[in-house]
Amino acid sequence: VQAEALAEATRESFVLERVGEYALYPRLRYRFDRLRETVQPG
């Protein structure tokens, strides 16, 4: 997952032990300084 200027491209791998539905959420490497200074929506 990559979110332009707000998060670096983050790649994470998972081993799925079962057949079925999964929700997979990698630990994004956010640029916290950019998030803190986001004062206008966009």
PDB file of all heavy atoms in Angstrom:
ATOM      1  N   VAL A   1       0.856  -1.187   0.000  1.00  0.00           N
ATOM      2  CA  VAL A   1       0.000   0.000   0.000  1.00  0.00           C
ATOM      3  C   VAL A   1       0.888   1.232   0.000  1.00  0.00           C
ATOM      4  O   VAL A   1       1.886   1.300   0.724  1.00  0.00           O
ATOM      5  CB  VAL A   1      -0.933   0.025   1.234  1.00  0.00           C
ATOM      6  CG1 VAL A   1      -1.721   1.342   1.263  1.00  0.00           C
ATOM      7  CG2 VAL A   1      -1.878  -1.163   1.216  1.00  0.00           C
ATOM      8  N   GLN A   2       0.533   2.219  -0.825  1.00  0.00           N
ATOM      9  CA  GLN A   2       1.216   3.505  -0.828  1.00  0.00           C
ATOM     10  C   GLN A   2       0.181   4.606  -0.897  1.00  0.00           C
ATOM     11  O   GLN A   2      -0.790   4.515  -1.653  1.00  0.00           O
ATOM     12  CB  GLN A   2       2.175   3.618  -2.008  1.00  0.00           C
ATOM     13  CG  GLN A   2       2.966   4.931  -2.020  1.00  0.00           C
ATOM     14  CD  GLN A   2       4.005   4.960  -3.122  1.00  0.00           C
ATOM     15  OE1 GLN A   2       4.035   4.081  -3.965  1.00  0.00           O
ATOM     16  NE2 GLN A   2       4.856   5.973  -3.108  1.00  0.00           N
ATOM     17  N   ALA A   3       0.360   5.657  -0.067  1.00  0.00           N
ATOM     18  CA  ALA A   3      -0.568   6.788  -0.051  1.00  0.00           C
ATOM     19  C   ALA A   3       0.199   8.065  -0.334  1.00  0.00           C
ATOM     20  O   ALA A   3       0.371   8.927   0.536  1.00  0.00           O
ATOM     21  CB  ALA A   3      -1.296   6.878   1.279  1.00  0.00           C
ATOM     22  N   GLU A   4       0.707   8.181  -1.533  1.00  0.00           N
ATOM     23  CA  GLU A   4       1.434   9.368  -2.007  1.00  0.00           C
ATOM     24  C   GLU A   4       2.345   9.948  -0.922  1.00  0.00           C
ATOM     25  O   GLU A   4       3.185   9.236  -0.377  1.00  0.00           O
ATOM     26  CB  GLU A   4       0.443  10.403  -2.541  1.00  0.00           C
ATOM     27  CG  GLU A   4      -0.087  10.071  -3.920  1.00  0.00           C
ATOM     28  CD  GLU A   4      -0.916  11.181  -4.534  1.00  0.00           C
ATOM     29  OE1 GLU A   4      -1.432  12.035  -3.805  1.00  0.00           O
ATOM     30  OE2 GLU A   4      -1.035  11.194  -5.777  1.00  0.00           O
ATOM     31  N   ALA A   5       2.164  11.219  -0.608  1.00  0.00           N
ATOM     32  CA  ALA A   5       3.081  11.889   0.320  1.00  0.00           C
ATOM     33  C   ALA A   5       2.833  11.534   1.781  1.00  0.00           C
ATOM     34  O   ALA A   5       3.631  11.900   2.641  1.00  0.00           O
ATOM     35  CB  ALA A   5       2.975  13.404   0.141  1.00  0.00           C
ATOM     36  N   LEU A   6       1.763  10.814   2.082  1.00  0.00           N
ATOM     37  CA  LEU A   6       1.416  10.564   3.482  1.00  0.00           C
ATOM     38  C   LEU A   6       1.974   9.262   4.026  1.00  0.00           C
ATOM     39  O   LEU A   6       2.096   9.090   5.236  1.00  0.00           O
ATOM     40  CB  LEU A   6      -0.108  10.576   3.652  1.00  0.00           C
ATOM     41  CG  LEU A   6      -0.796  11.895   3.335  1.00  0.00           C
ATOM     42  CD1 LEU A   6      -2.288  11.768   3.558  1.00  0.00           C
ATOM     43  CD2 LEU A   6      -0.221  13.030   4.182  1.00  0.00           C
ATOM     44  N   ALA A   7       2.280   8.298   3.158  1.00  0.00           N
ATOM     45  CA  ALA A   7       2.805   7.017   3.617  1.00  0.00           C
ATOM     46  C   ALA A   7       3.716   6.435   2.550  1.00  0.00           C
ATOM     47  O   ALA A   7       3.384   6.427   1.366  1.00  0.00           O
ATOM     48  CB  ALA A   7       1.671   6.039   3.926  1.00  0.00           C
ATOM     49  N   GLU A   8       4.882   5.951   2.988  1.00  0.00           N
ATOM     50  CA  GLU A   8       5.787   5.283   2.073  1.00  0.00           C
ATOM     51  C   GLU A   8       5.165   3.973   1.594  1.00  0.00           C
ATOM     52  O   GLU A   8       4.287   3.406   2.254  1.00  0.00           O
ATOM     53  CB  GLU A   8       7.111   4.985   2.779  1.00  0.00           C
ATOM     54  CG  GLU A   8       7.832   6.205   3.308  1.00  0.00           C
ATOM     55  CD  GLU A   8       9.062   5.821   4.115  1.00  0.00           C
ATOM     56  OE1 GLU A   8       9.457   4.630   4.042  1.00  0.00           O
ATOM     57  OE2 GLU A   8       9.598   6.687   4.822  1.00  0.00           O
ATOM     58  N   ALA A   9       5.641   3.492   0.448  1.00  0.00           N
ATOM     59  CA  ALA A   9       5.178   2.187  -0.018  1.00  0.00           C
ATOM     60  C   ALA A   9       5.529   1.133   1.030  1.00  0.00           C
ATOM     61  O   ALA A   9       6.696   0.977   1.409  1.00  0.00           O
ATOM     62  CB  ALA A   9       5.818   1.852  -1.357  1.00  0.00           C
ATOM     63  N   THR A  10       4.528   0.452   1.533  1.00  0.00           N
ATOM     64  CA  THR A  10       4.706  -0.528   2.601  1.00  0.00           C
ATOM     65  C   THR A  10       4.248  -1.885   2.108  1.00  0.00           C
ATOM     66  O   THR A  10       3.118  -2.028   1.643  1.00  0.00           O
ATOM     67  CB  THR A  10       3.891  -0.130   3.850  1.00  0.00           C
ATOM     68  OG1 THR A  10       4.272   1.187   4.258  1.00  0.00           O
ATOM     69  CG2 THR A  10       4.136  -1.107   4.986  1.00  0.00           C
ATOM     70  N   ARG A  11       5.116  -2.881   2.226  1.00  0.00           N
ATOM     71  CA  ARG A  11       4.791  -4.231   1.771  1.00  0.00           C
ATOM     72  C   ARG A  11       4.884  -5.189   2.957  1.00  0.00           C
ATOM     73  O   ARG A  11       5.855  -5.180   3.698  1.00  0.00           O
ATOM     74  CB  ARG A  11       5.742  -4.666   0.668  1.00  0.00           C
ATOM     75  CG  ARG A  11       5.461  -6.048   0.110  1.00  0.00           C
ATOM     76  CD  ARG A  11       6.430  -6.415  -1.001  1.00  0.00           C
ATOM     77  NE  ARG A  11       6.284  -5.535  -2.157  1.00  0.00           N
ATOM     78  CZ  ARG A  11       6.851  -5.781  -3.341  1.00  0.00           C
ATOM     79  NH1 ARG A  11       7.584  -6.876  -3.511  1.00  0.00           N
ATOM     80  NH2 ARG A  11       6.683  -4.944  -4.349  1.00  0.00           N
ATOM     81  N   GLU A  12       3.862  -6.010   3.119  1.00  0.00           N
ATOM     82  CA  GLU A  12       3.851  -7.005   4.188  1.00  0.00           C
ATOM     83  C   GLU A  12       3.232  -8.295   3.663  1.00  0.00           C
ATOM     84  O   GLU A  12       2.293  -8.263   2.859  1.00  0.00           O
ATOM     85  CB  GLU A  12       3.061  -6.498   5.401  1.00  0.00           C
ATOM     86  CG  GLU A  12       3.153  -7.426   6.600  1.00  0.00           C
ATOM     87  CD  GLU A  12       2.647  -6.801   7.890  1.00  0.00           C
ATOM     88  OE1 GLU A  12       2.303  -5.596   7.875  1.00  0.00           O
ATOM     89  OE2 GLU A  12       2.589  -7.515   8.907  1.00  0.00           O
ATOM     90  N   SER A  13       3.802  -9.426   4.110  1.00  0.00           N
ATOM     91  CA  SER A  13       3.332 -10.728   3.649  1.00  0.00           C
ATOM     92  C   SER A  13       2.682 -11.500   4.788  1.00  0.00           C
ATOM     93  O   SER A  13       3.093 -11.382   5.950  1.00  0.00           O
ATOM     94  CB  SER A  13       4.497 -11.547   3.075  1.00  0.00           C
ATOM     95  OG  SER A  13       5.052 -10.915   1.934  1.00  0.00           O
ATOM     96  N   PHE A  14       1.675 -12.288   4.433  1.00  0.00           N
ATOM     97  CA  PHE A  14       0.924 -13.070   5.408  1.00  0.00           C
ATOM     98  C   PHE A  14       0.746 -14.495   4.883  1.00  0.00           C
ATOM     99  O   PHE A  14       0.550 -14.693   3.681  1.00  0.00           O
ATOM    100  CB  PHE A  14      -0.468 -12.463   5.638  1.00  0.00           C
ATOM    101  CG  PHE A  14      -0.449 -11.002   5.965  1.00  0.00           C
ATOM    102  CD1 PHE A  14      -0.540 -10.042   4.956  1.00  0.00           C
ATOM    103  CD2 PHE A  14      -0.341 -10.575   7.268  1.00  0.00           C
ATOM    104  CE1 PHE A  14      -0.529  -8.698   5.246  1.00  0.00           C
ATOM    105  CE2 PHE A  14      -0.332  -9.217   7.575  1.00  0.00           C
ATOM    106  CZ  PHE A  14      -0.425  -8.271   6.565  1.00  0.00           C
ATOM    107  N   VAL A  15       0.808 -15.457   5.769  1.00  0.00           N
ATOM    108  CA  VAL A  15       0.492 -16.834   5.416  1.00  0.00           C
ATOM    109  C   VAL A  15      -0.913 -17.136   5.916  1.00  0.00           C
ATOM    110  O   VAL A  15      -1.202 -17.016   7.113  1.00  0.00           O
ATOM    111  CB  VAL A  15       1.504 -17.818   6.028  1.00  0.00           C
ATOM    112  CG1 VAL A  15       1.077 -19.266   5.742  1.00  0.00           C
ATOM    113  CG2 VAL A  15       2.894 -17.566   5.464  1.00  0.00           C
ATOM    114  N   LEU A  16      -1.802 -17.489   4.976  1.00  0.00           N
ATOM    115  CA  LEU A  16      -3.203 -17.731   5.299  1.00  0.00           C
ATOM    116  C   LEU A  16      -3.406 -19.227   5.514  1.00  0.00           C
ATOM    117  O   LEU A  16      -3.317 -20.018   4.579  1.00  0.00           O
ATOM    118  CB  LEU A  16      -4.106 -17.216   4.171  1.00  0.00           C
ATOM    119  CG  LEU A  16      -3.807 -15.789   3.654  1.00  0.00           C
ATOM    120  CD1 LEU A  16      -4.892 -15.357   2.690  1.00  0.00           C
ATOM    121  CD2 LEU A  16      -3.644 -14.811   4.797  1.00  0.00           C
ATOM    122  N   GLU A  17      -3.662 -19.614   6.742  1.00  0.00           N
ATOM    123  CA  GLU A  17      -3.689 -21.022   7.089  1.00  0.00           C
ATOM    124  C   GLU A  17      -5.010 -21.709   6.748  1.00  0.00           C
ATOM    125  O   GLU A  17      -5.096 -22.935   6.786  1.00  0.00           O
ATOM    126  CB  GLU A  17      -3.403 -21.187   8.578  1.00  0.00           C
ATOM    127  CG  GLU A  17      -1.994 -20.716   8.959  1.00  0.00           C
ATOM    128  CD  GLU A  17      -1.685 -20.921  10.414  1.00  0.00           C
ATOM    129  OE1 GLU A  17      -2.635 -21.189  11.186  1.00  0.00           O
ATOM    130  OE2 GLU A  17      -0.503 -20.813  10.795  1.00  0.00           O
ATOM    131  N   ARG A  18      -6.028 -20.917   6.434  1.00  0.00           N
ATOM    132  CA  ARG A  18      -7.349 -21.502   6.195  1.00  0.00           C
ATOM    133  C   ARG A  18      -7.909 -21.021   4.869  1.00  0.00           C
ATOM    134  O   ARG A  18      -7.557 -19.967   4.361  1.00  0.00           O
ATOM    135  CB  ARG A  18      -8.318 -21.121   7.318  1.00  0.00           C
ATOM    136  CG  ARG A  18      -7.818 -21.450   8.711  1.00  0.00           C
ATOM    137  CD  ARG A  18      -8.815 -20.960   9.744  1.00  0.00           C
ATOM    138  NE  ARG A  18      -8.318 -21.157  11.092  1.00  0.00           N
ATOM    139  CZ  ARG A  18      -9.002 -20.837  12.192  1.00  0.00           C
ATOM    140  NH1 ARG A  18     -10.209 -20.289  12.065  1.00  0.00           N
ATOM    141  NH2 ARG A  18      -8.487 -21.048  13.376  1.00  0.00           N
ATOM    142  N   VAL A  19      -8.818 -21.789   4.352  1.00  0.00           N
ATOM    143  CA  VAL A  19      -9.632 -21.337   3.227  1.00  0.00           C
ATOM    144  C   VAL A  19     -10.745 -20.455   3.783  1.00  0.00           C
ATOM    145  O   VAL A  19     -11.346 -20.777   4.809  1.00  0.00           O
ATOM    146  CB  VAL A  19     -10.227 -22.543   2.461  1.00  0.00           C
ATOM    147  CG1 VAL A  19     -11.212 -22.069   1.393  1.00  0.00           C
ATOM    148  CG2 VAL A  19      -9.122 -23.386   1.846  1.00  0.00           C
ATOM    149  N   GLY A  20     -11.003 -19.328   3.140  1.00  0.00           N
ATOM    150  CA  GLY A  20     -12.071 -18.456   3.613  1.00  0.00           C
ATOM    151  C   GLY A  20     -11.773 -16.996   3.394  1.00  0.00           C
ATOM    152  O   GLY A  20     -10.859 -16.626   2.650  1.00  0.00           O
ATOM    153  N   GLU A  21     -12.549 -16.151   4.069  1.00  0.00           N
ATOM    154  CA  GLU A  21     -12.449 -14.696   3.905  1.00  0.00           C
ATOM    155  C   GLU A  21     -11.426 -14.118   4.879  1.00  0.00           C
ATOM    156  O   GLU A  21     -11.423 -14.455   6.069  1.00  0.00           O
ATOM    157  CB  GLU A  21     -13.809 -14.041   4.154  1.00  0.00           C
ATOM    158  CG  GLU A  21     -14.883 -14.444   3.167  1.00  0.00           C
ATOM    159  CD  GLU A  21     -14.590 -13.949   1.762  1.00  0.00           C
ATOM    160  OE1 GLU A  21     -14.073 -12.825   1.636  1.00  0.00           O
ATOM    161  OE2 GLU A  21     -14.879 -14.688   0.807  1.00  0.00           O
ATOM    162  N   TYR A  22     -10.571 -13.232   4.372  1.00  0.00           N
ATOM    163  CA  TYR A  22      -9.550 -12.580   5.192  1.00  0.00           C
ATOM    164  C   TYR A  22      -9.610 -11.066   4.999  1.00  0.00           C
ATOM    165  O   TYR A  22      -9.958 -10.562   3.924  1.00  0.00           O
ATOM    166  CB  TYR A  22      -8.144 -13.064   4.805  1.00  0.00           C
ATOM    167  CG  TYR A  22      -7.763 -14.389   5.415  1.00  0.00           C
ATOM    168  CD1 TYR A  22      -8.187 -15.574   4.832  1.00  0.00           C
ATOM    169  CD2 TYR A  22      -6.991 -14.452   6.571  1.00  0.00           C
ATOM    170  CE1 TYR A  22      -7.847 -16.806   5.388  1.00  0.00           C
ATOM    171  CE2 TYR A  22      -6.632 -15.666   7.127  1.00  0.00           C
ATOM    172  CZ  TYR A  22      -7.065 -16.839   6.537  1.00  0.00           C
ATOM    173  OH  TYR A  22      -6.725 -18.045   7.095  1.00  0.00           O
ATOM    174  N   ALA A  23      -9.228 -10.357   6.061  1.00  0.00           N
ATOM    175  CA  ALA A  23      -8.978  -8.917   6.014  1.00  0.00           C
ATOM    176  C   ALA A  23      -7.506  -8.720   6.359  1.00  0.00           C
ATOM    177  O   ALA A  23      -7.060  -9.108   7.441  1.00  0.00           O
ATOM    178  CB  ALA A  23      -9.865  -8.175   6.997  1.00  0.00           C
ATOM    179  N   LEU A  24      -6.742  -8.143   5.451  1.00  0.00           N
ATOM    180  CA  LEU A  24      -5.296  -8.002   5.608  1.00  0.00           C
ATOM    181  C   LEU A  24      -4.926  -6.528   5.623  1.00  0.00           C
ATOM    182  O   LEU A  24      -5.245  -5.792   4.679  1.00  0.00           O
ATOM    183  CB  LEU A  24      -4.565  -8.714   4.461  1.00  0.00           C
ATOM    184  CG  LEU A  24      -4.936 -10.190   4.232  1.00  0.00           C
ATOM    185  CD1 LEU A  24      -4.168 -10.753   3.043  1.00  0.00           C
ATOM    186  CD2 LEU A  24      -4.684 -11.031   5.477  1.00  0.00           C
ATOM    187  N   TYR A  25      -4.264  -6.096   6.697  1.00  0.00           N
ATOM    188  CA  TYR A  25      -3.929  -4.685   6.875  1.00  0.00           C
ATOM    189  C   TYR A  25      -2.441  -4.546   7.194  1.00  0.00           C
ATOM    190  O   TYR A  25      -2.017  -4.782   8.323  1.00  0.00           O
ATOM    191  CB  TYR A  25      -4.754  -4.060   8.005  1.00  0.00           C
ATOM    192  CG  TYR A  25      -6.192  -3.829   7.636  1.00  0.00           C
ATOM    193  CD1 TYR A  25      -7.088  -4.894   7.542  1.00  0.00           C
ATOM    194  CD2 TYR A  25      -6.659  -2.559   7.352  1.00  0.00           C
ATOM    195  CE1 TYR A  25      -8.409  -4.695   7.174  1.00  0.00           C
ATOM    196  CE2 TYR A  25      -7.980  -2.343   6.987  1.00  0.00           C
ATOM    197  CZ  TYR A  25      -8.841  -3.420   6.902  1.00  0.00           C
ATOM    198  OH  TYR A  25     -10.146  -3.221   6.538  1.00  0.00           O
ATOM    199  N   PRO A  26      -1.598  -4.195   6.203  1.00  0.00           N
ATOM    200  CA  PRO A  26      -0.171  -4.003   6.494  1.00  0.00           C
ATOM    201  C   PRO A  26       0.037  -2.807   7.412  1.00  0.00           C
ATOM    202  O   PRO A  26      -0.774  -1.877   7.454  1.00  0.00           O
ATOM    203  CB  PRO A  26       0.435  -3.754   5.109  1.00  0.00           C
ATOM    204  CG  PRO A  26      -0.694  -3.251   4.269  1.00  0.00           C
ATOM    205  CD  PRO A  26      -1.934  -3.915   4.795  1.00  0.00           C
ATOM    206  N   ARG A  27       1.139  -2.845   8.144  1.00  0.00           N
ATOM    207  CA  ARG A  27       1.493  -1.741   9.040  1.00  0.00           C
ATOM    208  C   ARG A  27       2.144  -0.639   8.208  1.00  0.00           C
ATOM    209  O   ARG A  27       3.339  -0.702   7.904  1.00  0.00           O
ATOM    210  CB  ARG A  27       2.419  -2.225  10.139  1.00  0.00           C
ATOM    211  CG  ARG A  27       1.741  -3.154  11.131  1.00  0.00           C
ATOM    212  CD  ARG A  27       2.760  -3.832  12.038  1.00  0.00           C
ATOM    213  NE  ARG A  27       2.089  -4.527  13.125  1.00  0.00           N
ATOM    214  CZ  ARG A  27       1.528  -5.730  13.011  1.00  0.00           C
ATOM    215  NH1 ARG A  27       1.549  -6.365  11.834  1.00  0.00           N
ATOM    216  NH2 ARG A  27       0.954  -6.302  14.048  1.00  0.00           N
ATOM    217  N   LEU A  28       1.379   0.358   7.868  1.00  0.00           N
ATOM    218  CA  LEU A  28       1.868   1.398   6.970  1.00  0.00           C
ATOM    219  C   LEU A  28       2.925   2.262   7.644  1.00  0.00           C
ATOM    220  O   LEU A  28       2.832   2.568   8.850  1.00  0.00           O
ATOM    221  CB  LEU A  28       0.716   2.291   6.488  1.00  0.00           C
ATOM    222  CG  LEU A  28       0.060   1.875   5.162  1.00  0.00           C
ATOM    223  CD1 LEU A  28      -0.523   0.476   5.271  1.00  0.00           C
ATOM    224  CD2 LEU A  28      -0.991   2.871   4.750  1.00  0.00           C
ATOM    225  N   ARG A  29       3.917   2.643   6.864  1.00  0.00           N
ATOM    226  CA  ARG A  29       4.960   3.558   7.340  1.00  0.00           C
ATOM    227  C   ARG A  29       4.519   4.991   7.021  1.00  0.00           C
ATOM    228  O   ARG A  29       4.888   5.572   5.993  1.00  0.00           O
ATOM    229  CB  ARG A  29       6.311   3.226   6.702  1.00  0.00           C
ATOM    230  CG  ARG A  29       6.860   1.872   7.116  1.00  0.00           C
ATOM    231  CD  ARG A  29       8.331   1.730   6.714  1.00  0.00           C
ATOM    232  NE  ARG A  29       8.491   1.717   5.271  1.00  0.00           N
ATOM    233  CZ  ARG A  29       8.441   0.630   4.517  1.00  0.00           C
ATOM    234  NH1 ARG A  29       8.208  -0.552   5.081  1.00  0.00           N
ATOM    235  NH2 ARG A  29       8.620   0.701   3.209  1.00  0.00           N
ATOM    236  N   TYR A  30       3.721   5.534   7.906  1.00  0.00           N
ATOM    237  CA  TYR A  30       3.187   6.882   7.699  1.00  0.00           C
ATOM    238  C   TYR A  30       4.264   7.937   7.923  1.00  0.00           C
ATOM    239  O   TYR A  30       5.186   7.753   8.730  1.00  0.00           O
ATOM    240  CB  TYR A  30       2.035   7.147   8.660  1.00  0.00           C
ATOM    241  CG  TYR A  30       0.746   6.452   8.294  1.00  0.00           C
ATOM    242  CD1 TYR A  30       0.295   5.362   9.039  1.00  0.00           C
ATOM    243  CD2 TYR A  30      -0.017   6.885   7.216  1.00  0.00           C
ATOM    244  CE1 TYR A  30      -0.897   4.730   8.712  1.00  0.00           C
ATOM    245  CE2 TYR A  30      -1.201   6.253   6.886  1.00  0.00           C
ATOM    246  CZ  TYR A  30      -1.633   5.172   7.632  1.00  0.00           C
ATOM    247  OH  TYR A  30      -2.799   4.539   7.304  1.00  0.00           O
ATOM    248  N   ARG A  31       4.126   9.039   7.237  1.00  0.00           N
ATOM    249  CA  ARG A  31       4.959  10.214   7.486  1.00  0.00           C
ATOM    250  C   ARG A  31       4.206  11.087   8.496  1.00  0.00           C
ATOM    251  O   ARG A  31       3.373  11.913   8.139  1.00  0.00           O
ATOM    252  CB  ARG A  31       5.225  10.968   6.178  1.00  0.00           C
ATOM    253  CG  ARG A  31       6.066  10.158   5.185  1.00  0.00           C
ATOM    254  CD  ARG A  31       6.393  10.993   3.949  1.00  0.00           C
ATOM    255  NE  ARG A  31       7.399  10.346   3.125  1.00  0.00           N
ATOM    256  CZ  ARG A  31       7.139   9.645   2.029  1.00  0.00           C
ATOM    257  NH1 ARG A  31       5.878   9.507   1.625  1.00  0.00           N
ATOM    258  NH2 ARG A  31       8.099   9.079   1.337  1.00  0.00           N
ATOM    259  N   PHE A  32       4.515  10.858   9.737  1.00  0.00           N
ATOM    260  CA  PHE A  32       3.724  11.464  10.810  1.00  0.00           C
ATOM    261  C   PHE A  32       3.806  12.988  10.804  1.00  0.00           C
ATOM    262  O   PHE A  32       2.843  13.664  11.183  1.00  0.00           O
ATOM    263  CB  PHE A  32       4.173  10.907  12.166  1.00  0.00           C
ATOM    264  CG  PHE A  32       3.953   9.437  12.310  1.00  0.00           C
ATOM    265  CD1 PHE A  32       5.016   8.570  12.504  1.00  0.00           C
ATOM    266  CD2 PHE A  32       2.677   8.905  12.232  1.00  0.00           C
ATOM    267  CE1 PHE A  32       4.814   7.213  12.628  1.00  0.00           C
ATOM    268  CE2 PHE A  32       2.457   7.546  12.354  1.00  0.00           C
ATOM    269  CZ  PHE A  32       3.533   6.692  12.551  1.00  0.00           C
ATOM    270  N   ASP A  33       4.943  13.542  10.388  1.00  0.00           N
ATOM    271  CA  ASP A  33       5.046  14.998  10.331  1.00  0.00           C
ATOM    272  C   ASP A  33       4.067  15.579   9.323  1.00  0.00           C
ATOM    273  O   ASP A  33       3.447  16.629   9.555  1.00  0.00           O
ATOM    274  CB  ASP A  33       6.475  15.431  10.015  1.00  0.00           C
ATOM    275  CG  ASP A  33       7.011  14.802   8.727  1.00  0.00           C
ATOM    276  OD1 ASP A  33       6.472  13.753   8.307  1.00  0.00           O
ATOM    277  OD2 ASP A  33       7.961  15.358   8.139  1.00  0.00           O
ATOM    278  N   ARG A  34       3.882  14.891   8.189  1.00  0.00           N
ATOM    279  CA  ARG A  34       2.930  15.360   7.181  1.00  0.00           C
ATOM    280  C   ARG A  34       1.497  15.272   7.712  1.00  0.00           C
ATOM    281  O   ARG A  34       0.679  16.171   7.479  1.00  0.00           O
ATOM    282  CB  ARG A  34       3.064  14.521   5.914  1.00  0.00           C
ATOM    283  CG  ARG A  34       4.440  14.569   5.260  1.00  0.00           C
ATOM    284  CD  ARG A  34       4.601  15.797   4.378  1.00  0.00           C
ATOM    285  NE  ARG A  34       5.895  15.812   3.717  1.00  0.00           N
ATOM    286  CZ  ARG A  34       6.143  15.256   2.554  1.00  0.00           C
ATOM    287  NH1 ARG A  34       5.172  14.615   1.899  1.00  0.00           N
ATOM    288  NH2 ARG A  34       7.348  15.332   2.005  1.00  0.00           N
ATOM    289  N   LEU A  35       1.186  14.182   8.385  1.00  0.00           N
ATOM    290  CA  LEU A  35      -0.163  14.023   8.938  1.00  0.00           C
ATOM    291  C   LEU A  35      -0.464  15.125   9.956  1.00  0.00           C
ATOM    292  O   LEU A  35      -1.563  15.681   9.990  1.00  0.00           O
ATOM    293  CB  LEU A  35      -0.301  12.654   9.599  1.00  0.00           C
ATOM    294  CG  LEU A  35      -0.248  11.444   8.669  1.00  0.00           C
ATOM    295  CD1 LEU A  35      -0.181  10.157   9.486  1.00  0.00           C
ATOM    296  CD2 LEU A  35      -1.460  11.413   7.755  1.00  0.00           C
ATOM    297  N   ARG A  36       0.535  15.428  10.790  1.00  0.00           N
ATOM    298  CA  ARG A  36       0.333  16.425  11.851  1.00  0.00           C
ATOM    299  C   ARG A  36       0.075  17.809  11.280  1.00  0.00           C
ATOM    300  O   ARG A  36      -0.636  18.617  11.881  1.00  0.00           O
ATOM    301  CB  ARG A  36       1.568  16.442  12.754  1.00  0.00           C
ATOM    302  CG  ARG A  36       1.363  17.159  14.076  1.00  0.00           C
ATOM    303  CD  ARG A  36       2.599  17.024  14.949  1.00  0.00           C
ATOM    304  NE  ARG A  36       2.799  15.646  15.388  1.00  0.00           N
ATOM    305  CZ  ARG A  36       3.792  14.857  14.988  1.00  0.00           C
ATOM    306  NH1 ARG A  36       4.685  15.298  14.119  1.00  0.00           N
ATOM    307  NH2 ARG A  36       3.895  13.633  15.445  1.00  0.00           N
ATOM    308  N   GLU A  37       0.608  18.078  10.102  1.00  0.00           N
ATOM    309  CA  GLU A  37       0.473  19.404   9.497  1.00  0.00           C
ATOM    310  C   GLU A  37      -0.662  19.470   8.470  1.00  0.00           C
ATOM    311  O   GLU A  37      -0.780  20.467   7.758  1.00  0.00           O
ATOM    312  CB  GLU A  37       1.791  19.806   8.838  1.00  0.00           C
ATOM    313  CG  GLU A  37       2.966  19.915   9.809  1.00  0.00           C
ATOM    314  CD  GLU A  37       2.667  20.860  10.968  1.00  0.00           C
ATOM    315  OE1 GLU A  37       2.064  21.930  10.722  1.00  0.00           O
ATOM    316  OE2 GLU A  37       3.034  20.533  12.105  1.00  0.00           O
ATOM    317  N   THR A  38      -1.482  18.450   8.384  1.00  0.00           N
ATOM    318  CA  THR A  38      -2.599  18.453   7.434  1.00  0.00           C
ATOM    319  C   THR A  38      -3.758  19.237   8.048  1.00  0.00           C
ATOM    320  O   THR A  38      -4.591  18.689   8.765  1.00  0.00           O
ATOM    321  CB  THR A  38      -3.044  17.014   7.097  1.00  0.00           C
ATOM    322  OG1 THR A  38      -1.924  16.278   6.611  1.00  0.00           O
ATOM    323  CG2 THR A  38      -4.149  17.022   6.043  1.00  0.00           C
ATOM    324  N   VAL A  39      -3.808  20.521   7.774  1.00  0.00           N
ATOM    325  CA  VAL A  39      -4.821  21.383   8.392  1.00  0.00           C
ATOM    326  C   VAL A  39      -6.013  21.620   7.475  1.00  0.00           C
ATOM    327  O   VAL A  39      -7.053  22.136   7.911  1.00  0.00           O
ATOM    328  CB  VAL A  39      -4.209  22.727   8.831  1.00  0.00           C
ATOM    329  CG1 VAL A  39      -3.186  22.506   9.923  1.00  0.00           C
ATOM    330  CG2 VAL A  39      -3.578  23.455   7.653  1.00  0.00           C
ATOM    331  N   GLN A  40      -5.872  21.273   6.187  1.00  0.00           N
ATOM    332  CA  GLN A  40      -6.978  21.413   5.246  1.00  0.00           C
ATOM    333  C   GLN A  40      -7.280  20.049   4.629  1.00  0.00           C
ATOM    334  O   GLN A  40      -6.367  19.308   4.291  1.00  0.00           O
ATOM    335  CB  GLN A  40      -6.624  22.399   4.128  1.00  0.00           C
ATOM    336  CG  GLN A  40      -6.408  23.819   4.593  1.00  0.00           C
ATOM    337  CD  GLN A  40      -7.699  24.473   5.066  1.00  0.00           C
ATOM    338  OE1 GLN A  40      -8.791  24.089   4.652  1.00  0.00           O
ATOM    339  NE2 GLN A  40      -7.576  25.469   5.923  1.00  0.00           N
ATOM    340  N   PRO A  41      -8.561  19.711   4.478  1.00  0.00           N
ATOM    341  CA  PRO A  41      -8.881  18.447   3.806  1.00  0.00           C
ATOM    342  C   PRO A  41      -8.499  18.516   2.333  1.00  0.00           C
ATOM    343  O   PRO A  41      -8.471  19.591   1.729  1.00  0.00           O
ATOM    344  CB  PRO A  41     -10.396  18.334   3.990  1.00  0.00           C
ATOM    345  CG  PRO A  41     -10.877  19.735   4.179  1.00  0.00           C
ATOM    346  CD  PRO A  41      -9.769  20.452   4.891  1.00  0.00           C
ATOM    347  N   GLY A  42      -8.199  17.363   1.777  1.00  0.00           N
ATOM    348  CA  GLY A  42      -7.828  17.320   0.366  1.00  0.00           C
ATOM    349  C   GLY A  42      -7.731  15.888  -0.124  1.00  0.00           C
ATOM    350  O   GLY A  42      -7.906  14.942   0.636  1.00  0.00           O
TER     351      GLY A  42
END
